[in-house]
N, C-alpha and C. Protein backbone atom coordinates (compact mmCIF):
# COMPACT_ATOMS: atom_id res chain seq x y z
N MET A 1 0.93 -1.31 0.23
CA MET A 1 -0.05 -0.20 0.05
C MET A 1 1.18 1.17 0.19
N THR A 2 0.96 1.83 -1.03
CA THR A 2 1.40 3.31 -1.24
C THR A 2 0.73 4.50 -0.04
N ALA A 3 1.68 5.52 0.14
CA ALA A 3 1.09 6.43 1.03
C ALA A 3 -0.09 7.12 0.45
N GLU A 4 -0.21 7.15 -0.69
CA GLU A 4 -1.67 7.52 -1.55
C GLU A 4 -2.67 6.82 -1.26
N ASP A 5 -2.78 5.43 -0.99
CA ASP A 5 -3.77 4.52 -0.96
C ASP A 5 -4.18 4.22 0.68
N THR A 6 -3.61 5.28 1.30
CA THR A 6 -4.01 5.07 2.79
C THR A 6 -5.52 5.30 3.24
N ASP A 7 -6.15 4.88 3.95
CA ASP A 7 -7.43 5.74 4.55
C ASP A 7 -7.29 7.52 4.54
N GLU A 8 -6.41 7.43 5.52
CA GLU A 8 -6.30 9.25 5.49
C GLU A 8 -5.98 9.85 4.36
N ALA A 9 -4.94 9.43 3.35
CA ALA A 9 -4.69 10.00 2.16
C ALA A 9 -5.93 10.10 1.33
N ARG A 10 -6.94 8.92 1.24
CA ARG A 10 -8.16 9.06 0.42
C ARG A 10 -9.12 9.94 1.27
N ALA A 11 -9.17 9.63 2.31
CA ALA A 11 -9.95 10.78 3.20
C ALA A 11 -9.57 12.11 2.70
N ALA A 12 -8.21 12.31 2.87
CA ALA A 12 -8.21 14.02 2.31
C ALA A 12 -8.14 14.76 1.12
N ARG A 13 -8.59 13.45 0.23
CA ARG A 13 -8.92 14.12 -0.95
C ARG A 13 -10.63 13.76 -1.29
N GLY A 14 -11.25 13.85 0.08
CA GLY A 14 -12.63 13.71 -0.10
C GLY A 14 -13.63 12.03 0.22
N ASP A 15 -12.72 11.73 0.20
CA ASP A 15 -13.29 9.89 0.06
C ASP A 15 -14.22 9.59 1.42
N ARG A 16 -15.37 9.78 0.89
CA ARG A 16 -16.25 9.34 2.13
C ARG A 16 -16.14 8.32 2.83
N ALA A 17 -15.81 6.93 2.21
CA ALA A 17 -15.89 5.93 2.55
C ALA A 17 -14.37 5.89 3.58
N ALA A 18 -13.29 6.21 3.15
CA ALA A 18 -12.39 6.19 3.81
C ALA A 18 -12.34 7.34 5.14
N PHE A 19 -13.25 8.16 5.23
CA PHE A 19 -13.35 8.61 5.85
C PHE A 19 -14.32 8.03 7.24
N SER A 20 -15.23 7.69 6.40
CA SER A 20 -16.15 6.53 7.41
C SER A 20 -15.31 5.19 8.39
N ALA A 21 -14.54 4.80 7.21
CA ALA A 21 -13.50 3.52 7.95
C ALA A 21 -12.59 4.46 9.05
N LEU A 22 -12.23 5.81 8.71
CA LEU A 22 -11.13 6.15 9.75
C LEU A 22 -12.32 6.96 11.35
N MET A 23 -13.36 6.87 10.89
CA MET A 23 -14.25 7.00 12.15
C MET A 23 -14.59 5.63 12.79
N SER A 24 -15.07 4.88 11.98
CA SER A 24 -14.99 3.49 12.63
C SER A 24 -13.55 2.89 13.31
N ALA A 25 -12.71 3.68 12.84
CA ALA A 25 -11.36 2.93 13.90
C ALA A 25 -10.87 3.95 14.74
N THR A 26 -11.45 4.95 15.25
CA THR A 26 -11.28 6.04 16.11
C THR A 26 -12.20 6.67 17.06
N ARG A 27 -13.57 5.52 16.61
CA ARG A 27 -14.59 6.05 17.38
C ARG A 27 -14.76 5.95 18.99
N GLY A 28 -14.43 4.55 19.21
CA GLY A 28 -14.33 4.26 20.67
C GLY A 28 -12.79 5.22 21.32
N ASP A 29 -11.88 5.10 21.17
CA ASP A 29 -11.14 5.83 22.55
C ASP A 29 -11.38 7.58 21.94
N LEU A 30 -11.77 7.88 20.92
CA LEU A 30 -12.17 9.50 20.95
C LEU A 30 -13.31 9.74 22.18
N TYR A 31 -14.49 8.81 21.75
CA TYR A 31 -15.58 8.87 22.64
C TYR A 31 -14.66 8.87 24.30
N ARG A 32 -14.30 7.99 24.72
CA ARG A 32 -13.44 7.96 25.88
C ARG A 32 -12.64 8.91 26.22
N PHE A 33 -12.05 9.63 25.73
CA PHE A 33 -11.34 10.93 25.70
C PHE A 33 -12.27 12.08 25.85
N ILE A 34 -13.22 12.54 25.03
CA ILE A 34 -14.28 13.36 25.38
C ILE A 34 -14.88 13.28 26.73
N ARG A 35 -15.50 12.04 27.00
CA ARG A 35 -16.37 11.49 28.08
C ARG A 35 -15.49 12.06 29.14
N ARG A 36 -14.75 11.77 29.14
CA ARG A 36 -13.48 11.83 30.76
C ARG A 36 -12.98 13.45 30.38
N TYR A 37 -13.44 14.31 29.46
CA TYR A 37 -12.81 15.28 29.41
C TYR A 37 -14.30 16.12 29.81
N VAL A 38 -15.22 16.16 29.63
CA VAL A 38 -16.95 16.83 29.92
C VAL A 38 -17.44 16.28 31.22
N GLY A 39 -16.85 14.89 31.21
CA GLY A 39 -17.98 14.24 32.32
C GLY A 39 -19.12 13.70 32.40
N ASP A 40 -19.81 13.99 31.09
CA ASP A 40 -21.36 13.62 31.22
C ASP A 40 -21.15 12.88 29.63
N ALA A 41 -21.86 11.82 29.85
CA ALA A 41 -21.94 10.74 28.43
C ALA A 41 -22.61 11.47 27.68
N ASP A 42 -23.98 11.74 27.71
CA ASP A 42 -24.74 12.40 26.81
C ASP A 42 -24.04 13.87 25.83
N GLU A 43 -23.49 14.29 26.48
CA GLU A 43 -22.63 15.62 25.99
C GLU A 43 -21.60 14.96 25.43
N ALA A 44 -20.76 13.95 25.92
CA ALA A 44 -19.64 13.54 24.70
C ALA A 44 -20.02 12.93 23.93
N HIS A 45 -21.10 12.05 23.57
CA HIS A 45 -21.83 12.03 22.00
C HIS A 45 -21.96 13.26 21.48
N ASP A 46 -22.60 14.30 22.00
CA ASP A 46 -22.61 15.30 21.21
C ASP A 46 -21.54 15.90 20.44
N LEU A 47 -20.39 16.02 21.52
CA LEU A 47 -19.31 16.26 21.01
C LEU A 47 -18.41 15.78 20.17
N LEU A 48 -18.66 14.15 20.40
CA LEU A 48 -18.48 13.48 19.40
C LEU A 48 -18.55 13.68 17.80
N GLN A 49 -20.02 13.93 17.82
CA GLN A 49 -20.55 13.91 16.35
C GLN A 49 -20.10 15.35 15.73
N GLU A 50 -19.88 16.51 16.55
CA GLU A 50 -19.16 17.65 16.37
C GLU A 50 -18.25 17.54 15.96
N THR A 51 -17.21 16.86 16.56
CA THR A 51 -15.74 16.55 16.36
C THR A 51 -15.86 15.88 14.79
N TYR A 52 -16.37 14.82 14.56
CA TYR A 52 -16.04 14.19 13.50
C TYR A 52 -16.79 14.96 11.87
N ALA A 53 -17.95 15.82 12.42
CA ALA A 53 -18.70 17.03 11.55
C ALA A 53 -17.63 17.61 11.02
N SER A 54 -16.76 18.49 12.31
CA SER A 54 -16.11 19.47 11.85
C SER A 54 -14.66 18.82 11.23
N ALA A 55 -14.16 17.79 11.29
CA ALA A 55 -13.21 17.15 10.71
C ALA A 55 -13.46 16.87 9.43
N TRP A 56 -15.20 16.15 9.03
CA TRP A 56 -15.09 16.11 7.89
C TRP A 56 -15.29 17.29 6.86
N LEU A 57 -15.42 18.63 7.54
CA LEU A 57 -15.80 20.08 6.67
C LEU A 57 -14.36 20.66 6.90
N ALA A 58 -12.97 19.98 7.56
CA ALA A 58 -11.81 20.57 7.45
C ALA A 58 -11.00 19.76 6.72
N ILE A 59 -11.54 18.73 5.74
CA ILE A 59 -10.86 17.46 5.74
C ILE A 59 -9.40 17.67 4.62
N ARG A 60 -10.26 18.96 3.48
CA ARG A 60 -9.37 18.72 2.75
C ARG A 60 -7.99 19.77 3.13
N ARG A 61 -8.18 20.38 4.37
CA ARG A 61 -7.12 20.80 4.70
C ARG A 61 -5.92 20.03 5.92
N TYR A 62 -6.15 18.49 5.99
CA TYR A 62 -5.86 17.52 6.77
C TYR A 62 -4.36 17.15 5.81
N ASP A 63 -3.32 17.12 6.25
CA ASP A 63 -2.18 16.50 5.61
C ASP A 63 -1.83 15.55 6.06
N PRO A 64 -2.32 14.45 4.85
CA PRO A 64 -1.86 12.92 5.74
C PRO A 64 -0.44 12.56 6.01
N ALA A 65 0.48 13.49 5.79
CA ALA A 65 1.92 13.02 6.79
C ALA A 65 1.90 13.26 8.11
N ARG A 66 0.75 14.07 8.40
CA ARG A 66 0.81 14.06 10.19
C ARG A 66 -0.01 13.30 10.48
N SER A 67 -0.17 12.62 11.89
CA SER A 67 -1.04 11.60 12.32
C SER A 67 -2.54 11.97 12.39
N PHE A 68 -3.14 11.22 12.15
CA PHE A 68 -4.90 11.76 11.55
C PHE A 68 -5.43 11.69 13.23
N THR A 69 -5.00 10.69 14.26
CA THR A 69 -5.72 11.03 15.72
C THR A 69 -4.96 11.86 15.99
N ALA A 70 -3.82 12.58 16.06
CA ALA A 70 -3.39 13.86 16.81
C ALA A 70 -4.09 15.00 16.51
N TRP A 71 -4.64 14.83 14.64
CA TRP A 71 -5.70 15.95 14.31
C TRP A 71 -6.77 16.01 14.55
N LEU A 72 -7.20 14.86 14.92
CA LEU A 72 -8.81 14.70 15.12
C LEU A 72 -9.02 14.97 16.75
N ARG A 73 -7.69 14.94 17.75
CA ARG A 73 -7.54 15.19 18.96
C ARG A 73 -7.82 16.51 19.15
N PHE A 74 -7.03 17.23 18.50
CA PHE A 74 -6.72 18.62 18.15
C PHE A 74 -8.19 19.19 18.54
N ILE A 75 -9.26 18.86 17.25
CA ILE A 75 -10.33 19.38 17.02
C ILE A 75 -11.03 19.06 18.16
N ALA A 76 -10.71 17.90 18.96
CA ALA A 76 -11.98 17.24 20.03
C ALA A 76 -11.62 18.27 21.08
N VAL A 77 -10.44 18.65 21.63
CA VAL A 77 -10.16 19.49 22.60
C VAL A 77 -10.70 20.81 22.40
N ASN A 78 -10.43 21.26 21.21
CA ASN A 78 -11.24 22.58 20.83
C ASN A 78 -12.57 22.17 21.04
N LYS A 79 -13.54 21.56 20.63
CA LYS A 79 -14.82 21.23 21.22
C LYS A 79 -15.15 21.19 22.36
N CYS A 80 -14.41 20.87 23.29
CA CYS A 80 -14.27 20.77 24.74
C CYS A 80 -14.48 21.77 25.25
N ARG A 81 -13.00 22.48 24.81
CA ARG A 81 -12.78 23.68 25.42
C ARG A 81 -14.14 24.72 24.92
N ASP A 82 -14.76 25.08 24.07
CA ASP A 82 -15.91 25.44 23.13
C ASP A 82 -17.16 25.00 24.46
N TRP A 83 -17.25 23.62 24.69
CA TRP A 83 -18.34 23.11 25.58
C TRP A 83 -18.24 24.15 26.63
N GLY A 84 -17.08 23.70 27.72
CA GLY A 84 -16.84 23.93 28.73
C GLY A 84 -17.20 25.81 28.93
N ARG A 85 -17.15 26.42 28.04
CA ARG A 85 -17.39 27.81 27.93
C ARG A 85 -18.60 28.24 28.04
N LYS A 86 -19.36 27.79 27.22
CA LYS A 86 -20.59 27.60 27.00
C LYS A 86 -21.22 27.50 28.30
N ARG A 87 -20.62 26.09 28.80
CA ARG A 87 -21.09 25.62 30.23
C ARG A 87 -21.05 26.74 31.51
N THR A 88 -19.97 27.39 31.10
CA THR A 88 -19.33 28.45 32.10
C THR A 88 -20.38 29.59 32.07
N VAL A 89 -21.16 29.98 31.27
CA VAL A 89 -22.01 31.10 30.39
C VAL A 89 -23.38 30.61 31.27
N ARG A 90 -24.08 28.93 31.09
CA ARG A 90 -25.06 28.84 31.35
C ARG A 90 -25.16 28.86 33.37
N ARG A 91 -24.00 28.32 33.64
CA ARG A 91 -24.25 28.58 35.07
C ARG A 91 -24.07 30.04 35.40
N PHE A 92 -23.53 31.13 34.95
CA PHE A 92 -23.39 32.07 35.36
C PHE A 92 -24.77 33.25 34.96
N ILE A 93 -25.27 32.21 34.16
CA ILE A 93 -26.83 32.90 34.03
C ILE A 93 -28.01 32.24 35.08
N ARG A 94 -27.37 31.18 35.24
CA ARG A 94 -28.76 30.63 36.46
C ARG A 94 -28.18 31.22 37.54
N GLY A 95 -27.13 31.73 37.75
CA GLY A 95 -26.72 32.45 39.30
C GLY A 95 -27.26 33.35 39.40
N VAL A 96 -27.12 33.97 38.27
CA VAL A 96 -27.58 35.64 38.30
C VAL A 96 -29.10 35.69 38.28
N MET A 97 -29.86 35.06 37.34
CA MET A 97 -31.52 34.48 37.15
C MET A 97 -32.01 33.92 38.74
N GLY A 98 -31.06 33.10 39.29
CA GLY A 98 -31.86 32.05 39.98
C GLY A 98 -32.38 30.74 39.37
N LEU A 99 -32.31 29.89 40.32
CA LEU A 99 -32.48 28.35 39.79
C LEU A 99 -33.95 28.16 39.11
N ASP A 100 -35.07 28.82 39.41
CA ASP A 100 -36.47 28.82 39.47
C ASP A 100 -36.67 30.19 38.24
N ALA A 101 -36.24 30.84 37.80
CA ALA A 101 -36.43 31.64 36.65
C ALA A 101 -36.39 30.89 35.71
N PRO A 102 -37.62 31.04 34.70
CA PRO A 102 -37.84 30.32 33.66
C PRO A 102 -36.90 30.40 32.58
N GLU A 103 -36.30 31.56 32.27
CA GLU A 103 -34.97 31.91 31.52
C GLU A 103 -33.79 31.09 32.11
N ALA A 104 -33.52 30.74 33.14
CA ALA A 104 -32.63 29.97 33.67
C ALA A 104 -32.93 28.35 33.11
N MET A 105 -34.10 28.16 33.26
CA MET A 105 -34.18 27.00 32.73
C MET A 105 -34.56 26.53 31.45
N ALA A 106 -34.60 27.65 30.32
CA ALA A 106 -34.75 27.67 28.97
C ALA A 106 -32.93 27.72 28.84
N VAL A 107 -32.21 28.13 29.26
CA VAL A 107 -30.45 28.10 28.96
C VAL A 107 -30.25 26.49 29.34
N GLY A 108 -30.50 25.81 29.95
CA GLY A 108 -30.34 24.17 30.22
C GLY A 108 -29.80 24.04 31.67
N VAL A 109 -29.99 22.60 32.00
CA VAL A 109 -29.46 22.66 33.29
C VAL A 109 -28.77 21.34 33.37
N ASP A 110 -27.43 21.18 34.35
CA ASP A 110 -26.46 20.52 34.19
C ASP A 110 -27.09 19.46 35.50
N ALA A 111 -28.28 18.65 35.23
CA ALA A 111 -28.86 17.90 36.20
C ALA A 111 -27.53 16.96 36.95
N PRO A 112 -27.85 16.70 38.34
CA PRO A 112 -26.50 15.40 38.63
C PRO A 112 -27.25 14.16 38.45
N GLU A 113 -26.52 13.38 38.08
CA GLU A 113 -26.84 11.90 38.31
C GLU A 113 -27.71 11.41 39.15
N PRO A 114 -28.87 10.96 39.27
CA PRO A 114 -29.55 10.00 40.22
C PRO A 114 -28.84 8.95 41.22
N GLU A 115 -29.02 9.40 42.55
CA GLU A 115 -28.27 8.60 43.24
C GLU A 115 -28.30 7.10 43.27
N ALA A 116 -27.62 6.28 42.81
CA ALA A 116 -27.52 5.11 42.09
C ALA A 116 -27.32 4.04 43.75
N GLY A 117 -26.94 4.96 44.86
CA GLY A 117 -26.88 4.06 45.89
C GLY A 117 -25.68 2.97 45.98
N ILE A 118 -24.71 3.32 45.38
CA ILE A 118 -23.51 2.26 44.96
C ILE A 118 -22.48 3.46 45.13
N ASP A 119 -21.70 3.14 45.96
CA ASP A 119 -20.44 3.99 46.33
C ASP A 119 -19.56 4.27 45.35
N ASP A 120 -19.35 3.21 44.51
CA ASP A 120 -18.22 3.20 43.51
C ASP A 120 -18.50 3.99 42.53
N ARG A 121 -20.16 4.16 42.04
CA ARG A 121 -20.58 5.07 41.26
C ARG A 121 -20.38 6.44 41.74
N ARG A 122 -21.05 6.31 42.80
CA ARG A 122 -21.04 7.91 43.59
C ARG A 122 -19.61 8.80 43.20
N ARG A 123 -18.63 7.84 43.45
CA ARG A 123 -17.53 8.09 43.42
C ARG A 123 -16.72 8.64 42.29
N MET A 124 -16.91 7.47 41.52
CA MET A 124 -16.54 7.59 39.93
C MET A 124 -17.17 9.26 39.45
N ALA A 125 -18.70 9.23 39.71
CA ALA A 125 -19.31 10.84 39.46
C ALA A 125 -18.28 11.66 39.97
N GLU A 126 -18.01 11.65 41.13
CA GLU A 126 -17.41 12.51 41.51
C GLU A 126 -16.09 13.18 41.23
N LEU A 127 -15.33 12.11 40.83
CA LEU A 127 -14.21 12.02 39.98
C LEU A 127 -14.18 12.72 38.90
N ASP A 128 -15.19 12.16 37.70
CA ASP A 128 -15.92 13.02 36.65
C ASP A 128 -15.96 14.40 36.95
N ARG A 129 -16.58 14.87 37.70
CA ARG A 129 -16.86 16.06 37.96
C ARG A 129 -15.72 17.10 38.20
N ALA A 130 -14.59 16.52 39.24
CA ALA A 130 -13.12 17.12 39.41
C ALA A 130 -12.55 17.17 38.28
N LEU A 131 -12.63 15.97 37.31
CA LEU A 131 -12.06 16.13 36.46
C LEU A 131 -12.50 17.25 35.14
N ALA A 132 -13.79 17.41 35.04
CA ALA A 132 -14.59 18.12 34.17
C ALA A 132 -13.95 19.86 34.86
N ASP A 133 -13.80 19.85 35.98
CA ASP A 133 -13.48 21.18 36.56
C ASP A 133 -11.99 21.73 36.52
N LEU A 134 -11.01 20.83 35.95
CA LEU A 134 -10.24 21.28 35.78
C LEU A 134 -9.95 22.58 34.96
N PRO A 135 -8.82 23.13 35.00
CA PRO A 135 -8.88 24.10 34.01
C PRO A 135 -8.44 22.91 32.66
N ASP A 136 -8.83 23.59 31.26
CA ASP A 136 -8.79 23.36 30.21
C ASP A 136 -7.20 22.85 29.75
N ASN A 137 -6.15 23.71 30.24
CA ASN A 137 -4.94 23.45 29.78
C ASN A 137 -4.32 22.27 31.09
N LEU A 138 -4.92 22.01 31.74
CA LEU A 138 -4.35 20.74 32.41
C LEU A 138 -5.39 19.55 32.08
N LYS A 139 -6.54 19.69 32.04
CA LYS A 139 -7.31 18.97 31.81
C LYS A 139 -7.02 17.47 30.53
N ALA A 140 -6.81 18.52 29.75
CA ALA A 140 -6.49 17.80 28.07
C ALA A 140 -5.15 16.81 28.34
N PRO A 141 -4.24 17.40 28.51
CA PRO A 141 -3.07 16.95 28.66
C PRO A 141 -2.87 15.32 29.58
N LEU A 142 -3.45 15.82 30.81
CA LEU A 142 -3.89 15.12 31.76
C LEU A 142 -4.62 13.49 31.08
N LEU A 143 -5.91 13.82 30.34
CA LEU A 143 -6.45 12.68 29.70
C LEU A 143 -5.43 12.07 28.48
N LEU A 144 -5.34 12.69 27.71
CA LEU A 144 -4.56 11.99 26.98
C LEU A 144 -3.01 11.38 27.43
N ALA A 145 -2.52 11.85 28.40
CA ALA A 145 -1.34 10.86 28.76
C ALA A 145 -1.89 9.81 29.73
N THR A 146 -3.11 9.79 30.49
CA THR A 146 -3.47 8.73 31.51
C THR A 146 -4.50 7.79 30.69
N LEU A 147 -5.59 8.40 29.93
CA LEU A 147 -6.63 7.42 29.74
C LEU A 147 -6.38 6.91 28.47
N GLU A 148 -5.32 7.66 27.65
CA GLU A 148 -4.92 7.16 26.27
C GLU A 148 -3.86 6.75 26.25
N GLY A 149 -2.93 6.96 27.18
CA GLY A 149 -1.71 6.29 27.19
C GLY A 149 -0.65 7.15 25.70
N ARG A 150 -0.76 8.57 25.80
CA ARG A 150 -0.27 8.83 24.77
C ARG A 150 1.38 9.49 25.18
N SER A 151 2.29 9.52 24.55
CA SER A 151 3.62 10.07 24.97
C SER A 151 3.64 11.67 25.10
N TYR A 152 4.35 11.68 26.16
CA TYR A 152 4.13 13.66 26.04
C TYR A 152 4.40 14.39 24.80
N ALA A 153 5.20 13.63 23.73
CA ALA A 153 5.46 14.41 22.31
C ALA A 153 4.50 14.24 21.59
N GLU A 154 3.94 12.94 21.81
CA GLU A 154 2.46 13.35 20.83
C GLU A 154 1.42 14.09 21.54
N ILE A 155 1.45 14.08 22.62
CA ILE A 155 0.56 15.10 23.41
C ILE A 155 0.89 16.67 22.91
N ALA A 156 1.87 16.83 22.98
CA ALA A 156 2.52 18.31 22.58
C ALA A 156 2.32 18.46 21.17
N GLU A 157 2.33 17.59 20.53
CA GLU A 157 2.07 17.73 19.15
C GLU A 157 0.58 18.37 18.88
N VAL A 158 -0.39 17.29 19.51
CA VAL A 158 -1.92 18.03 19.64
C VAL A 158 -2.35 19.25 20.04
N LEU A 159 -1.45 19.45 20.73
CA LEU A 159 -1.54 21.24 21.72
C LEU A 159 -1.11 21.89 21.15
N GLY A 160 0.20 21.68 20.51
CA GLY A 160 1.05 22.74 19.96
C GLY A 160 1.60 23.46 21.31
N ILE A 161 2.49 22.35 22.10
CA ILE A 161 3.19 22.98 23.00
C ILE A 161 4.30 22.09 23.02
N THR A 162 5.28 22.36 23.93
CA THR A 162 6.37 21.23 24.06
C THR A 162 6.30 20.41 25.30
N PRO A 163 7.10 19.42 24.99
CA PRO A 163 7.09 18.32 25.78
C PRO A 163 7.10 18.10 27.19
N LYS A 164 8.13 19.44 27.44
CA LYS A 164 8.19 19.34 28.90
C LYS A 164 6.90 20.75 29.47
N ALA A 165 6.64 21.24 28.77
CA ALA A 165 5.18 22.20 28.95
C ALA A 165 3.95 20.86 29.45
N VAL A 166 3.96 19.64 28.51
CA VAL A 166 3.09 18.44 28.80
C VAL A 166 3.35 17.92 30.16
N GLU A 167 4.38 17.41 30.60
CA GLU A 167 5.00 17.13 31.53
C GLU A 167 4.51 17.91 32.91
N THR A 168 4.96 19.45 32.72
CA THR A 168 4.81 20.15 33.91
C THR A 168 2.89 20.07 34.25
N ARG A 169 2.36 20.35 33.03
CA ARG A 169 0.51 20.08 33.00
C ARG A 169 0.04 19.09 33.69
N VAL A 170 0.83 17.81 33.20
CA VAL A 170 0.06 16.51 33.55
C VAL A 170 0.13 16.81 35.44
N ALA A 171 1.24 16.62 35.62
CA ALA A 171 1.94 17.03 37.31
C ALA A 171 0.87 17.66 37.82
N ARG A 172 0.93 19.17 37.21
CA ARG A 172 0.09 19.82 37.82
C ARG A 172 -1.74 19.53 37.92
N ALA A 173 -2.34 18.65 37.30
CA ALA A 173 -3.08 18.25 37.32
C ALA A 173 -3.46 17.08 38.20
N ARG A 174 -2.45 16.37 37.86
CA ARG A 174 -2.39 15.25 39.24
C ARG A 174 -2.36 15.89 40.70
N GLN A 175 -1.81 17.11 40.51
CA GLN A 175 -1.79 17.31 42.21
C GLN A 175 -3.07 18.03 42.50
N LYS A 176 -3.67 18.57 41.45
CA LYS A 176 -5.12 19.30 41.73
C LYS A 176 -6.18 18.19 42.13
N LEU A 177 -5.76 17.09 41.39
CA LEU A 177 -6.88 16.34 41.54
C LEU A 177 -6.68 15.46 43.05
N SER A 178 -5.37 15.31 43.37
CA SER A 178 -4.69 14.71 44.80
C SER A 178 -5.42 15.60 45.75
N LEU A 179 -5.19 17.24 45.81
CA LEU A 179 -6.11 17.70 46.68
C LEU A 179 -7.48 17.50 46.76
N ALA A 180 -8.40 17.61 45.53
CA ALA A 180 -9.98 17.16 45.67
C ALA A 180 -9.98 15.90 46.37
N VAL A 181 -9.37 15.16 46.43
CA VAL A 181 -9.54 13.89 47.11
C VAL A 181 -9.33 14.31 48.50
N THR A 182 -8.56 14.60 48.86
CA THR A 182 -7.76 14.83 50.19
C THR A 182 -8.71 15.96 50.92
N ARG A 183 -9.31 16.69 50.58
CA ARG A 183 -10.39 17.46 50.57
C ARG A 183 -11.70 17.13 50.77
N GLY A 184 -11.61 15.60 50.75
CA GLY A 184 -13.14 15.04 50.55
C GLY A 184 -13.91 15.23 49.24
N LEU A 185 -13.77 16.27 48.53
CA LEU A 185 -14.50 16.36 47.22
C LEU A 185 -14.60 15.35 46.48
N VAL A 186 -13.71 14.13 46.38
CA VAL A 186 -13.59 12.88 45.68
C VAL A 186 -14.10 11.86 46.45
């Protein structure tokens, strides 16, 4: 198979079947990454679809010499960051208007999961919230390193920073999560 015959190269030329094959190959890992980033399964499904839609719209700009998964992660991280900014605005609006205001309800509500009665599930939900509350510059490197097992060099390529910066951010993220655990937040 030549470099021009890869799914990545064919997709970059607009081949829908090749792009579908790439979607199938990356869907599980990408969903898990997004799910951990945002802490909500339903939102993660929506963001996964948005990521693939954006990738398809930008596919002609993709360089097949680069890693497709790194390019896709870059798009996903940006989608997650956008989601986080919108979530912050929703929280602010609800705080200003009050939770009972109809306008606040129309903006959207981050409803907590129903109490399942199982300690492990409760702790996992709290950990998801703690992860979701990490600043974006710490969350993405941590998830890429721990959840996906990416090297610092790969993460640096995805995020456009140095491997040393990745190392520092992963350490700071772990420290913040550790503090959350010791304070009883998780």
